Amino acid sequence: MDSMLVFSSFVVVILLAISLQVFFFSPIFPDILEIPSSSKSFTTTFTSNSYLRRVSKLGEGYLDRPEDVAVDKMGVLYTATRDGWIKRLNKNGTWESWKYIGSNSLLGLTVSAAGHVIVCDADEGLLKVSEDGVSVLASHVNGEKIRFADDVVEASDGSLYFSVASTKFGLHEWYLDVLEAKPHGQLLKYNPSLNQTSVILHNLAFANGVALSADQDYLIVCETWKFRCLKYWLKEEIKGQTEIFVDNLTASPDNIKLAPDSSFWIAQVEFTARGLNFVHSSIASKHLLATFPKLINWVLGAYHKAMVVNVAADGKIIKGFDDPTGKVMSFVTSVLEYEGHLYLGSLNCDFIGKLPLTTSTV
């Protein structure tokens, strides 16, 4: 009987210790998150077509989780990899390890009009990479360190607009921002002539991809855990006004890029329906996942799926492609259209996917 009492006491102590750890030492102060109805059911706005399984694999085995893709005026393709390199695919088909940054937190990138590669380093801020080396353009804003630079686009006047996914959590703690469900994201502007960085928008829900419209009248910024993208006007008469561009997406928007026809391509990261609604409707479950992060794989389906959508300038979804089980492509984070092909970045693949936009796909 004494042994049973000792065992029961032991169990009670263990449960109490776990409860204290979960509720009193949790790194988050979460809110309940209402998931859009379309995202709850995960019924897509198009029939699953598995087109992403048709990709050819560029640089397979040579690229370590290339998150984003950019192309310069000469048709040279650039990507940043988790092993700290900016690598490029030359027009003759050869790959080159171009510049070593030495960071495992390189994310979105673009090629400037001057031919420099501008890349977001989630740890260091906004970087400029050229043949001469690497320099930091923006590491602080309003006296605060930029914590999680995510994606960047250049305007015709040379200004750089870039997103900060979270001002509270870093790249390797991204899931904590999603669990907390409080808007810590920002949209920033770097003015090269003044060498100054300013806040354009704040209180964004994990600000991810950012793109400029073809006429440069507005910016689009993606809010990952709100399943939507916002439009921020740059035109003088309505400058500074914000409205919803596309809402209730079937999955979380990641990077967004302007297409040649003035539409936009959005890479979407899917989370499994299993447990997702419960997690975001339960404060206790959020604390549990935040305290024991290995459990996050229970609700993360990004490693087993891939999806991209094409959205018209009026915010209407035109078409979409997917790999519903991640057989070939998974965790697609960016999609760029160039010369009749899509180029797909991923945080789970060792290649860039290349998909022809043939008559059967357009």
Protein backbone atom coordinates (compact mmCIF):
# COMPACT_ATOMS: atom_id res chain seq x y z
CA MET A 1 0.00 0.00 0.00
CA ASP A 2 2.88 2.30 0.86
CA SER A 3 4.42 1.64 -2.57
CA MET A 4 1.17 2.64 -4.28
CA LEU A 5 1.07 5.83 -2.24
CA VAL A 6 4.67 6.62 -3.17
CA PHE A 7 3.94 5.95 -6.86
CA SER A 8 0.80 8.09 -6.79
CA SER A 9 2.70 10.91 -5.10
CA PHE A 10 5.43 10.62 -7.72
CA VAL A 11 2.89 10.88 -10.53
CA VAL A 12 1.27 13.90 -8.91
CA VAL A 13 4.65 15.62 -8.53
CA ILE A 14 5.52 14.93 -12.18
CA LEU A 15 2.17 16.27 -13.41
CA LEU A 16 2.53 19.33 -11.21
CA ALA A 17 6.04 19.97 -12.52
CA ILE A 18 4.83 19.68 -16.11
CA SER A 19 1.90 22.01 -15.41
CA LEU A 20 4.20 24.59 -13.83
CA GLN A 21 6.57 24.33 -16.78
CA VAL A 22 3.76 24.70 -19.30
CA PHE A 23 1.79 27.52 -17.72
CA PHE A 24 4.34 29.52 -15.74
CA PHE A 25 7.43 29.23 -17.92
CA SER A 26 5.79 29.30 -21.32
CA PRO A 27 7.50 31.70 -23.77
CA ILE A 28 4.16 32.89 -25.19
CA PHE A 29 1.06 34.78 -24.08
CA PRO A 30 -1.37 33.40 -26.67
CA ASP A 31 -4.67 34.54 -28.04
CA ILE A 32 -7.36 32.35 -29.56
CA LEU A 33 -7.12 32.36 -33.37
CA GLU A 34 -10.19 32.00 -35.57
CA ILE A 35 -9.19 30.08 -38.68
CA PRO A 36 -11.06 31.05 -41.88
CA SER A 37 -13.75 28.56 -42.82
CA SER A 38 -12.12 27.71 -46.16
CA SER A 39 -8.85 26.98 -44.37
CA LYS A 40 -10.59 24.83 -41.76
CA SER A 41 -11.83 22.43 -44.40
CA PHE A 42 -8.76 22.75 -46.65
CA THR A 43 -10.95 22.53 -49.73
CA THR A 44 -9.03 24.32 -52.41
CA THR A 45 -10.46 26.81 -54.86
CA PHE A 46 -9.23 24.48 -57.59
CA THR A 47 -9.25 20.73 -58.04
CA SER A 48 -6.06 19.09 -56.82
CA ASN A 49 -4.04 18.47 -59.98
CA SER A 50 -0.58 17.30 -58.85
CA TYR A 51 1.06 19.55 -61.47
CA LEU A 52 3.95 20.31 -59.13
CA ARG A 53 5.05 16.70 -59.49
CA ARG A 54 6.01 17.53 -63.09
CA VAL A 55 8.86 19.84 -62.11
CA SER A 56 12.41 19.33 -63.26
CA LYS A 57 14.89 19.55 -60.39
CA LEU A 58 17.50 22.29 -60.81
CA GLY A 59 20.64 21.87 -58.74
CA GLU A 60 19.40 18.71 -57.05
CA GLY A 61 21.74 17.78 -54.19
CA TYR A 62 23.68 21.04 -54.61
CA LEU A 63 21.15 23.35 -52.94
CA ASP A 64 20.34 23.22 -49.25
CA ARG A 65 16.69 24.26 -48.84
CA PRO A 66 16.63 27.25 -51.21
CA GLU A 67 13.85 29.42 -49.76
CA ASP A 68 13.56 32.02 -52.53
CA VAL A 69 14.51 32.62 -56.17
CA ALA A 70 15.41 35.78 -58.11
CA VAL A 71 16.56 36.41 -61.70
CA ASP A 72 18.68 39.31 -62.97
CA LYS A 73 18.43 41.16 -66.30
CA MET A 74 20.78 38.66 -67.96
CA GLY A 75 18.67 35.69 -66.92
CA VAL A 76 21.03 34.50 -64.18
CA LEU A 77 19.09 32.82 -61.36
CA TYR A 78 20.02 33.45 -57.71
CA THR A 79 19.02 31.69 -54.52
CA ALA A 80 20.08 31.74 -50.85
CA THR A 81 20.64 28.42 -49.11
CA ARG A 82 20.67 27.23 -45.50
CA ASP A 83 24.40 26.51 -45.64
CA GLY A 84 25.10 30.23 -45.92
CA TRP A 85 25.68 30.67 -49.67
CA ILE A 86 24.24 32.82 -52.39
CA LYS A 87 24.33 30.42 -55.31
CA ARG A 88 23.51 31.14 -58.92
CA LEU A 89 22.59 29.30 -62.08
CA ASN A 90 24.35 30.80 -65.09
CA LYS A 91 22.76 30.97 -68.53
CA ASN A 92 25.00 28.13 -69.74
CA GLY A 93 23.38 25.83 -67.19
CA THR A 94 26.25 25.69 -64.71
CA TRP A 95 25.79 26.28 -60.99
CA GLU A 96 28.14 28.50 -59.03
CA SER A 97 28.65 29.02 -55.30
CA TRP A 98 28.87 32.77 -55.74
CA LYS A 99 29.14 34.46 -52.34
CA TYR A 100 29.46 32.94 -48.89
CA ILE A 101 27.48 34.84 -46.24
CA GLY A 102 28.00 32.32 -43.47
CA SER A 103 24.46 32.53 -42.13
CA ASN A 104 21.81 29.81 -41.94
CA SER A 105 19.03 32.42 -41.80
CA LEU A 106 19.01 33.79 -45.37
CA LEU A 107 15.45 34.15 -46.69
CA GLY A 108 13.86 36.35 -49.38
CA LEU A 109 16.00 38.04 -52.01
CA THR A 110 15.77 40.22 -55.10
CA VAL A 111 18.14 41.63 -57.71
CA SER A 112 18.32 45.42 -57.73
CA ALA A 113 18.34 47.59 -60.84
CA ALA A 114 22.05 48.12 -60.21
CA GLY A 115 22.64 44.38 -60.35
CA HIS A 116 23.20 43.81 -56.64
CA VAL A 117 21.54 40.94 -54.80
CA ILE A 118 19.51 42.22 -51.86
CA VAL A 119 18.81 39.48 -49.35
CA CYS A 120 16.99 39.28 -46.03
CA ASP A 121 19.01 37.74 -43.23
CA ALA A 122 16.60 36.92 -40.43
CA ASP A 123 19.39 37.47 -37.89
CA GLU A 124 21.32 40.41 -39.35
CA GLY A 125 18.74 42.44 -41.31
CA LEU A 126 18.85 43.62 -44.93
CA LEU A 127 22.07 42.82 -46.83
CA LYS A 128 23.54 43.94 -50.15
CA VAL A 129 25.66 41.34 -51.94
CA SER A 130 27.84 42.27 -54.91
CA GLU A 131 31.08 41.22 -56.56
CA ASP A 132 32.82 43.48 -54.05
CA GLY A 133 31.43 41.67 -51.01
CA VAL A 134 28.61 41.89 -48.47
CA SER A 135 27.37 44.95 -46.60
CA VAL A 136 24.52 45.52 -44.16
CA LEU A 137 21.97 48.05 -45.39
CA ALA A 138 19.58 47.93 -42.45
CA SER A 139 20.03 46.25 -39.07
CA HIS A 140 17.93 48.54 -36.86
CA VAL A 141 14.76 50.59 -37.08
CA ASN A 142 13.78 53.26 -34.55
CA GLY A 143 16.67 52.15 -32.37
CA GLU A 144 15.51 48.53 -32.23
CA LYS A 145 17.32 45.61 -33.83
CA ILE A 146 15.51 44.09 -36.81
CA ARG A 147 14.80 40.60 -35.54
CA PHE A 148 13.29 38.61 -38.43
CA ALA A 149 13.78 40.18 -41.88
CA ASP A 150 11.85 38.00 -44.32
CA ASP A 151 11.28 39.25 -47.90
CA VAL A 152 12.24 42.28 -49.99
CA VAL A 153 11.28 44.11 -53.19
CA GLU A 154 12.83 47.16 -54.90
CA ALA A 155 10.81 50.11 -56.20
CA SER A 156 11.73 52.10 -59.31
CA ASP A 157 13.13 54.94 -57.17
CA GLY A 158 15.56 52.54 -55.51
CA SER A 159 13.63 52.25 -52.24
CA LEU A 160 13.59 48.79 -50.69
CA TYR A 161 10.45 47.53 -49.01
CA PHE A 162 10.94 44.52 -46.78
CA SER A 163 8.88 42.54 -44.34
CA VAL A 164 9.71 41.61 -40.77
CA ALA A 165 7.85 38.46 -39.83
CA SER A 166 8.08 39.07 -36.09
CA THR A 167 9.61 41.63 -33.76
CA LYS A 168 9.36 39.19 -30.83
CA PHE A 169 10.48 35.81 -32.14
CA GLY A 170 13.38 34.87 -34.41
CA LEU A 171 13.56 32.53 -37.40
CA HIS A 172 14.17 29.41 -35.35
CA GLU A 173 11.23 30.28 -33.08
CA TRP A 174 8.81 31.12 -35.89
CA TYR A 175 6.20 28.64 -34.62
CA LEU A 176 5.94 30.61 -31.36
CA ASP A 177 4.66 33.64 -33.28
CA VAL A 178 2.03 31.48 -34.97
CA LEU A 179 0.99 29.91 -31.65
CA GLU A 180 0.84 33.22 -29.82
CA ALA A 181 -1.37 34.63 -32.61
CA LYS A 182 -0.55 38.23 -31.83
CA PRO A 183 0.54 40.63 -34.58
CA HIS A 184 4.26 41.28 -34.17
CA GLY A 185 5.09 41.77 -37.87
CA GLN A 186 6.13 44.91 -39.76
CA LEU A 187 6.57 46.31 -43.25
CA LEU A 188 9.69 48.48 -43.46
CA LYS A 189 11.16 50.87 -46.04
CA TYR A 190 14.85 51.43 -46.61
CA ASN A 191 15.71 54.74 -48.28
CA PRO A 192 19.15 54.34 -49.92
CA SER A 193 19.71 58.05 -50.52
CA LEU A 194 19.20 58.83 -46.83
CA ASN A 195 20.47 55.47 -45.55
CA GLN A 196 17.41 55.37 -43.31
CA THR A 197 14.89 52.68 -42.42
CA SER A 198 11.32 53.48 -41.40
CA VAL A 199 8.21 51.53 -40.37
CA ILE A 200 5.45 51.57 -42.98
CA LEU A 201 3.05 49.12 -41.33
CA HIS A 202 3.08 47.42 -37.96
CA ASN A 203 0.87 44.92 -36.11
CA LEU A 204 1.00 42.47 -39.01
CA ALA A 205 0.27 38.77 -38.54
CA PHE A 206 3.66 37.21 -39.38
CA ALA A 207 4.47 39.51 -42.31
CA ASN A 208 5.94 37.29 -44.99
CA GLY A 209 6.11 37.92 -48.74
CA VAL A 210 6.03 41.43 -50.23
CA ALA A 211 5.51 42.49 -53.86
CA LEU A 212 4.95 45.65 -55.90
CA SER A 213 2.16 46.03 -58.44
CA ALA A 214 3.13 46.45 -62.09
CA ASP A 215 2.32 50.19 -62.01
CA GLN A 216 3.92 50.48 -58.54
CA ASP A 217 0.76 52.07 -57.20
CA TYR A 218 0.59 49.63 -54.29
CA LEU A 219 2.41 46.95 -52.32
CA ILE A 220 1.08 43.54 -51.38
CA VAL A 221 2.22 42.02 -48.08
CA CYS A 222 1.26 38.52 -46.93
CA GLU A 223 0.02 37.80 -43.40
CA THR A 224 0.76 34.14 -42.80
CA TRP A 225 -1.44 33.18 -39.87
CA LYS A 226 -4.36 35.33 -40.98
CA PHE A 227 -4.51 33.48 -44.32
CA ARG A 228 -4.63 36.74 -46.26
CA CYS A 229 -2.66 39.43 -48.11
CA LEU A 230 -3.00 43.17 -47.62
CA LYS A 231 -2.74 45.99 -50.16
CA TYR A 232 -0.83 49.10 -49.10
CA TRP A 233 -1.33 52.10 -51.41
CA LEU A 234 1.62 54.18 -52.59
CA LYS A 235 -0.35 56.54 -54.89
CA GLU A 236 -0.25 60.09 -53.58
CA GLU A 237 -4.01 60.63 -53.32
CA ILE A 238 -4.54 57.51 -51.22
CA LYS A 239 -1.00 56.90 -50.00
CA GLY A 240 -0.86 55.02 -46.72
CA GLN A 241 -4.30 53.48 -46.99
CA THR A 242 -4.54 49.72 -46.45
CA GLU A 243 -7.15 47.22 -47.58
CA ILE A 244 -7.49 43.47 -47.97
CA PHE A 245 -6.18 42.18 -51.30
CA VAL A 246 -7.12 38.50 -50.94
CA ASP A 247 -8.68 36.82 -47.91
CA ASN A 248 -9.58 33.35 -46.62
CA LEU A 249 -6.84 31.60 -48.56
CA THR A 250 -6.85 27.83 -48.38
CA ALA A 251 -3.41 27.83 -46.76
CA SER A 252 -0.97 30.29 -45.23
CA PRO A 253 0.61 32.67 -47.78
CA ASP A 254 4.40 32.79 -47.82
CA ASN A 255 6.26 34.67 -50.56
CA ILE A 256 4.46 36.57 -53.32
CA LYS A 257 5.87 37.73 -56.66
CA LEU A 258 4.61 39.82 -59.56
CA ALA A 259 3.97 37.86 -62.76
CA PRO A 260 4.65 39.20 -66.29
CA ASP A 261 0.91 39.68 -66.90
CA SER A 262 0.56 41.87 -63.75
CA SER A 263 -1.03 39.08 -61.72
CA PHE A 264 0.70 37.60 -58.66
CA TRP A 265 2.02 34.18 -57.75
CA ILE A 266 1.70 33.17 -54.09
CA ALA A 267 3.39 30.19 -52.46
CA GLN A 268 1.15 28.70 -49.79
CA VAL A 269 2.29 26.70 -46.77
CA GLU A 270 -0.28 24.15 -45.68
CA PHE A 271 -0.94 23.01 -42.15
CA THR A 272 -2.75 19.75 -41.60
CA ALA A 273 -6.36 19.86 -40.49
CA ARG A 274 -5.51 17.28 -37.83
CA GLY A 275 -5.49 19.14 -34.53
CA LEU A 276 -5.06 22.60 -36.06
CA ASN A 277 -8.48 23.93 -35.10
CA PHE A 278 -8.14 22.48 -31.60
CA VAL A 279 -4.70 24.03 -31.10
CA HIS A 280 -5.86 27.50 -32.07
CA SER A 281 -9.02 27.24 -29.97
CA SER A 282 -7.22 26.09 -26.82
CA ILE A 283 -4.88 28.26 -24.77
CA ALA A 284 -3.62 25.18 -22.91
CA SER A 285 -2.62 23.37 -26.11
CA LYS A 286 -0.74 26.45 -27.31
CA HIS A 287 1.27 26.56 -24.08
CA LEU A 288 1.97 22.84 -24.36
CA LEU A 289 3.31 23.13 -27.91
CA ALA A 290 5.36 26.20 -27.04
CA THR A 291 6.97 24.39 -24.10
CA PHE A 292 7.56 21.15 -25.99
CA PRO A 293 8.23 22.35 -29.56
CA LYS A 294 8.89 18.88 -30.98
CA LEU A 295 5.13 18.36 -30.77
CA ILE A 296 4.65 21.07 -33.43
CA ASN A 297 5.14 18.43 -36.12
CA TRP A 298 1.76 17.07 -35.07
CA VAL A 299 0.02 20.03 -36.69
CA LEU A 300 2.56 20.98 -39.34
CA GLY A 301 1.80 19.51 -42.75
CA ALA A 302 4.12 21.73 -44.79
CA TYR A 303 6.65 18.93 -45.18
CA HIS A 304 4.06 16.72 -46.87
CA LYS A 305 2.36 19.12 -49.29
CA ALA A 306 3.02 21.92 -51.76
CA MET A 307 0.71 24.53 -53.26
CA VAL A 308 0.98 27.72 -55.32
CA VAL A 309 -1.81 29.98 -56.58
CA ASN A 310 -2.03 32.65 -59.25
CA VAL A 311 -4.05 35.70 -58.17
CA ALA A 312 -5.27 38.44 -60.51
CA ALA A 313 -4.64 42.12 -59.79
CA ASP A 314 -8.22 42.35 -58.47
CA GLY A 315 -7.51 39.66 -55.86
CA LYS A 316 -9.38 36.84 -57.58
CA ILE A 317 -7.69 33.43 -57.68
CA ILE A 318 -7.13 32.37 -61.28
CA LYS A 319 -5.53 28.95 -60.93
CA GLY A 320 -3.39 26.83 -58.67
CA PHE A 321 -0.96 23.91 -58.78
CA ASP A 322 -0.15 21.45 -56.05
CA ASP A 323 1.58 18.30 -54.92
CA PRO A 324 -1.05 17.03 -52.47
CA THR A 325 1.19 14.50 -50.71
CA GLY A 326 4.63 16.05 -51.19
CA LYS A 327 5.76 13.21 -53.42
CA VAL A 328 8.06 15.47 -55.45
CA MET A 329 7.77 18.97 -53.98
CA SER A 330 6.94 20.00 -50.43
CA PHE A 331 7.10 23.11 -48.24
CA VAL A 332 7.18 25.43 -51.27
CA THR A 333 7.96 28.93 -50.02
CA SER A 334 8.33 30.95 -53.23
CA VAL A 335 7.23 30.89 -56.85
CA LEU A 336 8.67 33.04 -59.64
CA GLU A 337 7.42 33.16 -63.23
CA TYR A 338 10.13 33.77 -65.82
CA GLU A 339 10.15 33.10 -69.57
CA GLY A 340 7.21 30.71 -69.54
CA HIS A 341 8.29 28.70 -66.52
CA LEU A 342 7.70 28.70 -62.78
CA TYR A 343 10.71 28.47 -60.46
CA LEU A 344 9.89 27.11 -57.01
CA GLY A 345 11.87 27.57 -53.79
CA SER A 346 11.42 25.26 -50.82
CA LEU A 347 12.49 24.82 -47.21
CA ASN A 348 12.34 21.05 -47.53
CA CYS A 349 13.97 20.27 -50.90
CA ASP A 350 17.55 20.14 -52.16
CA PHE A 351 16.63 21.64 -55.52
CA ILE A 352 14.67 24.41 -57.22
CA GLY A 353 11.63 23.15 -59.07
CA LYS A 354 11.12 24.29 -62.67
CA LEU A 355 7.66 23.89 -64.19
CA PRO A 356 6.77 24.82 -67.77
CA LEU A 357 3.58 26.84 -68.16
CA THR A 358 2.23 24.92 -71.12
CA THR A 359 -1.25 25.10 -72.63
CA SER A 360 -2.27 22.32 -70.25
CA THR A 361 -1.37 24.38 -67.20
CA VAL A 362 -2.43 27.88 -68.23
